[in-house]
C-alpha atoms as a PDB file:
ATOM      1  CA  UNK A   1     164.757 -10.896  58.211  1.00  0.00           C
ATOM      2  CA  UNK A   2     161.577 -12.349  59.660  1.00  0.00           C
ATOM      3  CA  UNK A   3     160.416 -15.994  59.962  1.00  0.00           C
ATOM      4  CA  UNK A   4     157.747 -17.444  57.661  1.00  0.00           C
ATOM      5  CA  UNK A   5     157.001 -20.165  60.169  1.00  0.00           C
ATOM      6  CA  UNK A   6     153.243 -20.063  61.218  1.00  0.00           C
ATOM      7  CA  UNK A   7     152.349 -19.795  64.897  1.00  0.00           C
ATOM      8  CA  UNK A   8     150.706 -23.349  64.387  1.00  0.00           C
ATOM      9  CA  UNK A   9     153.927 -24.663  63.164  1.00  0.00           C
ATOM     10  CA  UNK A  10     155.993 -22.993  65.896  1.00  0.00           C
ATOM     11  CA  UNK A  11     153.552 -24.527  68.552  1.00  0.00           C
ATOM     12  CA  UNK A  12     153.792 -27.968  66.932  1.00  0.00           C
ATOM     13  CA  UNK A  13     157.372 -28.025  66.809  1.00  0.00           C
ATOM     14  CA  UNK A  14     158.526 -26.408  70.138  1.00  0.00           C
ATOM     15  CA  UNK A  15     160.427 -28.724  72.238  1.00  0.00           C
ATOM     16  CA  UNK A  16     162.768 -28.441  75.244  1.00  0.00           C
ATOM     17  CA  UNK A  17     166.145 -28.372  73.731  1.00  0.00           C
ATOM     18  CA  UNK A  18     169.009 -28.992  76.216  1.00  0.00           C
ATOM     19  CA  UNK A  19     171.890 -29.752  73.766  1.00  0.00           C
ATOM     20  CA  UNK A  20     173.369 -26.864  71.785  1.00  0.00           C
ATOM     21  CA  UNK A  21     176.084 -26.671  69.158  1.00  0.00           C
ATOM     22  CA  UNK A  22     178.051 -23.997  70.510  1.00  0.00           C
ATOM     23  CA  UNK A  23     177.710 -21.788  67.436  1.00  0.00           C
ATOM     24  CA  UNK A  24     177.067 -17.973  68.072  1.00  0.00           C
ATOM     25  CA  UNK A  25     173.623 -16.612  68.026  1.00  0.00           C
ATOM     26  CA  UNK A  26     172.886 -13.554  65.849  1.00  0.00           C
ATOM     27  CA  UNK A  27     172.052 -10.551  67.759  1.00  0.00           C
ATOM     28  CA  UNK A  28     169.106  -9.667  65.619  1.00  0.00           C
ATOM     29  CA  UNK A  29     167.457 -13.077  66.420  1.00  0.00           C
ATOM     30  CA  UNK A  30     167.811 -12.406  70.225  1.00  0.00           C
ATOM     31  CA  UNK A  31     166.368  -8.828  69.755  1.00  0.00           C
ATOM     32  CA  UNK A  32     163.346 -10.363  68.064  1.00  0.00           C
ATOM     33  CA  UNK A  33     162.854 -12.817  71.065  1.00  0.00           C
ATOM     34  CA  UNK A  34     163.068  -9.790  73.514  1.00  0.00           C
ATOM     35  CA  UNK A  35     160.434  -8.004  71.509  1.00  0.00           C
ATOM     36  CA  UNK A  36     158.202 -11.095  71.541  1.00  0.00           C
ATOM     37  CA  UNK A  37     158.536 -11.260  75.275  1.00  0.00           C
ATOM     38  CA  UNK A  38     157.979  -7.435  76.099  1.00  0.00           C
ATOM     39  CA  UNK A  39     157.612  -5.610  72.927  1.00  0.00           C
ATOM     40  CA  UNK A  40     155.381  -2.542  72.943  1.00  0.00           C
ATOM     41  CA  UNK A  41     152.492  -2.740  70.569  1.00  0.00           C
ATOM     42  CA  UNK A  42     150.738   0.388  70.785  1.00  0.00           C
ATOM     43  CA  UNK A  43     150.959   4.047  71.648  1.00  0.00           C
ATOM     44  CA  UNK A  44     149.221   3.381  75.045  1.00  0.00           C
ATOM     45  CA  UNK A  45     152.231   1.234  76.016  1.00  0.00           C
ATOM     46  CA  UNK A  46     150.428  -2.163  75.721  1.00  0.00           C
ATOM     47  CA  UNK A  47     152.890  -5.015  75.228  1.00  0.00           C
ATOM     48  CA  UNK A  48     152.989  -8.489  73.606  1.00  0.00           C
ATOM     49  CA  UNK A  49     152.253 -10.289  76.823  1.00  0.00           C
ATOM     50  CA  UNK A  50     149.305  -9.555  79.035  1.00  0.00           C
ATOM     51  CA  UNK A  51     149.712  -7.943  82.488  1.00  0.00           C
ATOM     52  CA  UNK A  52     147.056  -7.481  85.174  1.00  0.00           C
ATOM     53  CA  UNK A  53     145.969  -3.800  85.431  1.00  0.00           C
ATOM     54  CA  UNK A  54     148.449  -3.267  82.602  1.00  0.00           C
ATOM     55  CA  UNK A  55     151.014  -2.787  85.537  1.00  0.00           C
ATOM     56  CA  UNK A  56     153.793  -4.580  83.606  1.00  0.00           C
ATOM     57  CA  UNK A  57     156.225  -5.427  86.606  1.00  0.00           C
ATOM     58  CA  UNK A  58     158.164  -7.820  84.391  1.00  0.00           C
ATOM     59  CA  UNK A  59     161.869  -6.972  83.376  1.00  0.00           C
ATOM     60  CA  UNK A  60     164.395  -8.799  81.316  1.00  0.00           C
ATOM     61  CA  UNK A  61     168.223  -9.408  81.546  1.00  0.00           C
ATOM     62  CA  UNK A  62     170.319 -11.150  78.923  1.00  0.00           C
ATOM     63  CA  UNK A  63     173.229 -13.280  79.924  1.00  0.00           C
ATOM     64  CA  UNK A  64     175.468 -13.218  76.737  1.00  0.00           C
ATOM     65  CA  UNK A  65     177.898 -16.075  76.325  1.00  0.00           C
ATOM     66  CA  UNK A  66     178.310 -16.454  72.562  1.00  0.00           C
ATOM     67  CA  UNK A  67     176.341 -13.704  70.700  1.00  0.00           C
ATOM     68  CA  UNK A  68     177.519 -12.161  67.522  1.00  0.00           C
ATOM     69  CA  UNK A  69     178.568  -8.557  68.110  1.00  0.00           C
ATOM     70  CA  UNK A  70     177.911  -8.646  71.795  1.00  0.00           C
ATOM     71  CA  UNK A  71     180.691  -9.234  74.392  1.00  0.00           C
ATOM     72  CA  UNK A  72     180.114 -11.743  77.071  1.00  0.00           C
ATOM     73  CA  UNK A  73     178.247 -10.162  79.881  1.00  0.00           C
ATOM     74  CA  UNK A  74     175.050  -9.295  81.695  1.00  0.00           C
ATOM     75  CA  UNK A  75     172.845  -6.959  79.905  1.00  0.00           C
ATOM     76  CA  UNK A  76     169.494  -5.186  80.644  1.00  0.00           C
ATOM     77  CA  UNK A  77     167.284  -5.694  77.626  1.00  0.00           C
ATOM     78  CA  UNK A  78     163.753  -4.688  76.657  1.00  0.00           C
ATOM     79  CA  UNK A  79     161.787  -2.121  74.623  1.00  0.00           C
ATOM     80  CA  UNK A  80     163.448  -0.753  71.582  1.00  0.00           C
ATOM     81  CA  UNK A  81     166.722   0.231  73.178  1.00  0.00           C
ATOM     82  CA  UNK A  82     170.051  -1.687  72.441  1.00  0.00           C
ATOM     83  CA  UNK A  83     171.293  -4.093  75.076  1.00  0.00           C
ATOM     84  CA  UNK A  84     172.860  -2.180  78.152  1.00  0.00           C
ATOM     85  CA  UNK A  85     175.959  -3.676  79.586  1.00  0.00           C
ATOM     86  CA  UNK A  86     175.503  -4.138  83.426  1.00  0.00           C
ATOM     87  CA  UNK A  87     178.563  -6.321  84.144  1.00  0.00           C
ATOM     88  CA  UNK A  88     181.113  -7.802  81.666  1.00  0.00           C
ATOM     89  CA  UNK A  89     182.198 -11.507  81.750  1.00  0.00           C
ATOM     90  CA  UNK A  90     180.614 -14.911  81.455  1.00  0.00           C
ATOM     91  CA  UNK A  91     177.891 -15.300  84.039  1.00  0.00           C
ATOM     92  CA  UNK A  92     176.639 -18.745  82.792  1.00  0.00           C
ATOM     93  CA  UNK A  93     178.809 -20.602  85.177  1.00  0.00           C
ATOM     94  CA  UNK A  94     177.237 -18.770  88.105  1.00  0.00           C
ATOM     95  CA  UNK A  95     173.720 -19.570  86.920  1.00  0.00           C
ATOM     96  CA  UNK A  96     174.599 -23.215  86.233  1.00  0.00           C
ATOM     97  CA  UNK A  97     175.967 -23.446  89.864  1.00  0.00           C
ATOM     98  CA  UNK A  98     172.731 -21.954  91.309  1.00  0.00           C
ATOM     99  CA  UNK A  99     170.596 -24.415  89.265  1.00  0.00           C
ATOM    100  CA  UNK A 100     168.808 -27.282  91.339  1.00  0.00           C
ATOM    101  CA  UNK A 101     170.444 -30.663  90.535  1.00  0.00           C
ATOM    102  CA  UNK A 102     172.609 -31.085  87.445  1.00  0.00           C
ATOM    103  CA  UNK A 103     171.724 -28.724  84.572  1.00  0.00           C
ATOM    104  CA  UNK A 104     174.775 -28.560  82.359  1.00  0.00           C
ATOM    105  CA  UNK A 105     172.810 -27.038  79.544  1.00  0.00           C
ATOM    106  CA  UNK A 106     172.652 -23.678  81.515  1.00  0.00           C
ATOM    107  CA  UNK A 107     176.481 -23.317  81.074  1.00  0.00           C
ATOM    108  CA  UNK A 108     176.429 -24.332  77.398  1.00  0.00           C
ATOM    109  CA  UNK A 109     173.686 -22.151  76.216  1.00  0.00           C
ATOM    110  CA  UNK A 110     174.716 -19.480  73.830  1.00  0.00           C
ATOM    111  CA  UNK A 111     172.588 -16.988  75.657  1.00  0.00           C
ATOM    112  CA  UNK A 112     170.030 -16.888  78.607  1.00  0.00           C
ATOM    113  CA  UNK A 113     167.016 -14.574  78.668  1.00  0.00           C
ATOM    114  CA  UNK A 114     166.112 -14.005  82.352  1.00  0.00           C
ATOM    115  CA  UNK A 115     162.775 -12.715  83.575  1.00  0.00           C
ATOM    116  CA  UNK A 116     162.458 -10.809  86.968  1.00  0.00           C
ATOM    117  CA  UNK A 117     160.272  -8.445  88.756  1.00  0.00           C
ATOM    118  CA  UNK A 118     159.953  -6.121  91.837  1.00  0.00           C
ATOM    119  CA  UNK A 119     157.837  -8.498  93.995  1.00  0.00           C
ATOM    120  CA  UNK A 120     157.385  -5.749  96.516  1.00  0.00           C
ATOM    121  CA  UNK A 121     155.827  -3.228  94.100  1.00  0.00           C
ATOM    122  CA  UNK A 122     153.429  -5.958  92.535  1.00  0.00           C
ATOM    123  CA  UNK A 123     152.355  -7.080  96.070  1.00  0.00           C
ATOM    124  CA  UNK A 124     151.550  -3.485  97.177  1.00  0.00           C
ATOM    125  CA  UNK A 125     149.804  -2.843  93.677  1.00  0.00           C
ATOM    126  CA  UNK A 126     147.352  -5.755  94.222  1.00  0.00           C
ATOM    127  CA  UNK A 127     147.206  -5.449  98.202  1.00  0.00           C
ATOM    128  CA  UNK A 128     143.467  -5.020  98.226  1.00  0.00           C
ATOM    129  CA  UNK A 129     142.759  -8.321  96.284  1.00  0.00           C
ATOM    130  CA  UNK A 130     142.525 -11.565  98.439  1.00  0.00           C
ATOM    131  CA  UNK A 131     144.338 -13.482  99.448  1.00  0.00           C
ATOM    132  CA  UNK A 132     146.367 -10.825 101.079  1.00  0.00           C
ATOM    133  CA  UNK A 133     149.992 -10.461  99.719  1.00  0.00           C
ATOM    134  CA  UNK A 134     149.640 -13.429  97.309  1.00  0.00           C
ATOM    135  CA  UNK A 135     147.454 -12.089  94.450  1.00  0.00           C
ATOM    136  CA  UNK A 136     150.162  -9.883  93.036  1.00  0.00           C
ATOM    137  CA  UNK A 137     152.696 -12.797  92.785  1.00  0.00           C
ATOM    138  CA  UNK A 138     150.083 -14.940  91.083  1.00  0.00           C
ATOM    139  CA  UNK A 139     149.733 -12.235  88.334  1.00  0.00           C
ATOM    140  CA  UNK A 140     153.231 -11.710  87.818  1.00  0.00           C
ATOM    141  CA  UNK A 141     154.025 -15.368  87.453  1.00  0.00           C
ATOM    142  CA  UNK A 142     151.240 -15.661  84.841  1.00  0.00           C
ATOM    143  CA  UNK A 143     152.707 -12.692  83.038  1.00  0.00           C
ATOM    144  CA  UNK A 144     156.253 -14.212  83.121  1.00  0.00           C
ATOM    145  CA  UNK A 145     154.831 -17.489  81.651  1.00  0.00           C
ATOM    146  CA  UNK A 146     153.262 -15.663  78.785  1.00  0.00           C
ATOM    147  CA  UNK A 147     156.148 -13.625  78.042  1.00  0.00           C
ATOM    148  CA  UNK A 148     158.585 -16.538  78.204  1.00  0.00           C
ATOM    149  CA  UNK A 149     156.230 -18.591  75.868  1.00  0.00           C
ATOM    150  CA  UNK A 150     156.158 -15.778  73.425  1.00  0.00           C
ATOM    151  CA  UNK A 151     159.920 -15.688  73.383  1.00  0.00           C
ATOM    152  CA  UNK A 152     160.270 -19.372  73.204  1.00  0.00           C
ATOM    153  CA  UNK A 153     157.851 -19.740  70.241  1.00  0.00           C
ATOM    154  CA  UNK A 154     159.838 -16.760  68.449  1.00  0.00           C
ATOM    155  CA  UNK A 155     162.969 -18.637  69.068  1.00  0.00           C
ATOM    156  CA  UNK A 156     161.406 -21.790  67.608  1.00  0.00           C
ATOM    157  CA  UNK A 157     160.272 -19.892  64.559  1.00  0.00           C
ATOM    158  CA  UNK A 158     163.927 -18.575  64.162  1.00  0.00           C
ATOM    159  CA  UNK A 159     165.273 -22.234  64.408  1.00  0.00           C
ATOM    160  CA  UNK A 160     166.723 -21.783  67.803  1.00  0.00           C
ATOM    161  CA  UNK A 161     166.498 -24.266  70.602  1.00  0.00           C
ATOM    162  CA  UNK A 162     165.477 -23.454  74.070  1.00  0.00           C
ATOM    163  CA  UNK A 163     164.638 -24.818  77.510  1.00  0.00           C
ATOM    164  CA  UNK A 164     162.952 -22.851  80.489  1.00  0.00           C
ATOM    165  CA  UNK A 165     164.427 -23.067  83.833  1.00  0.00           C
ATOM    166  CA  UNK A 166     162.709 -22.415  87.044  1.00  0.00           C
ATOM    167  CA  UNK A 167     164.588 -24.962  89.293  1.00  0.00           C
ATOM    168  CA  UNK A 168     167.189 -22.786  90.841  1.00  0.00           C
ATOM    169  CA  UNK A 169     168.385 -21.370  94.315  1.00  0.00           C
ATOM    170  CA  UNK A 170     166.713 -18.003  94.339  1.00  0.00           C
ATOM    171  CA  UNK A 171     169.433 -16.016  96.262  1.00  0.00           C
ATOM    172  CA  UNK A 172     172.197 -17.485  94.205  1.00  0.00           C
ATOM    173  CA  UNK A 173     170.528 -16.840  91.061  1.00  0.00           C
ATOM    174  CA  UNK A 174     169.653 -13.273  92.130  1.00  0.00           C
ATOM    175  CA  UNK A 175     173.297 -12.706  92.641  1.00  0.00           C
ATOM    176  CA  UNK A 176     174.341 -14.238  89.293  1.00  0.00           C
ATOM    177  CA  UNK A 177     171.764 -11.745  87.614  1.00  0.00           C
ATOM    178  CA  UNK A 178     172.760  -8.749  89.834  1.00  0.00           C
ATOM    179  CA  UNK A 179     169.422  -8.466  91.307  1.00  0.00           C
ATOM    180  CA  UNK A 180     169.190  -6.779  94.726  1.00  0.00           C
ATOM    181  CA  UNK A 181     165.848  -7.177  96.683  1.00  0.00           C
ATOM    182  CA  UNK A 182     162.961  -6.502  96.124  1.00  0.00           C
ATOM    183  CA  UNK A 183     164.013  -7.640  92.533  1.00  0.00           C
ATOM    184  CA  UNK A 184     163.530 -11.435  92.243  1.00  0.00           C
ATOM    185  CA  UNK A 185     164.231 -13.998  89.501  1.00  0.00           C
ATOM    186  CA  UNK A 186     161.181 -15.793  88.098  1.00  0.00           C
ATOM    187  CA  UNK A 187     162.604 -18.025  85.322  1.00  0.00           C
ATOM    188  CA  UNK A 188     164.933 -17.943  82.362  1.00  0.00           C
ATOM    189  CA  UNK A 189     165.113 -19.230  78.874  1.00  0.00           C
ATOM    190  CA  UNK A 190     168.315 -21.011  77.879  1.00  0.00           C
ATOM    191  CA  UNK A 191     168.915 -20.423  73.915  1.00  0.00           C
ATOM    192  CA  UNK A 192     171.112 -21.928  71.372  1.00  0.00           C
ATOM    193  CA  UNK A 193     171.472 -23.571  68.106  1.00  0.00           C
ATOM    194  CA  UNK A 194     169.986 -27.081  68.494  1.00  0.00           C
ATOM    195  CA  UNK A 195     172.659 -29.886  68.249  1.00  0.00           C
ATOM    196  CA  UNK A 196     171.973 -32.644  65.678  1.00  0.00           C
ATOM    197  CA  UNK A 197     169.872 -35.524  67.166  1.00  0.00           C
ATOM    198  CA  UNK A 198     171.736 -38.668  67.015  1.00  0.00           C
END
């Protein structure tokens, strides 16, 4: 099943949704969001989101809380493969605890799509570009923003609600996502069915 919602309509109706129903998300919809974020679009390996020098340092993990046909856990996702379980259990409370200030929607999202990268590799790759040590990070943040927007717009077209989170304690978030240095969290997208507006 694909959505008949136009890109124009998805852009016009996309909002930050922080109140979710608690209803389980279909795995197929989440897989389409993953493809929108990082799907391969050609034989040469190009993807749905642009990447400087076609370096593609961005990676994705899925925190599944309430997803149909998927046990609660932390998964590696991306490409055409099925989600690969890294750690079982509900990791949403740890992400919520790592968020800056009060963000209860993190713990209530049915699923969370997390974007991360090897920051040392991207820094080395772009080391010759000024300013020294900073250009690669700039590029990866741009790539993460483009990929997250793609996923968010796909979610909007699918009728899902979402909110991007970048306000978090880096070390605690990395621990919740099972990321060891030089892997670093960049942002994540909380997802769920939008609760009715009162």
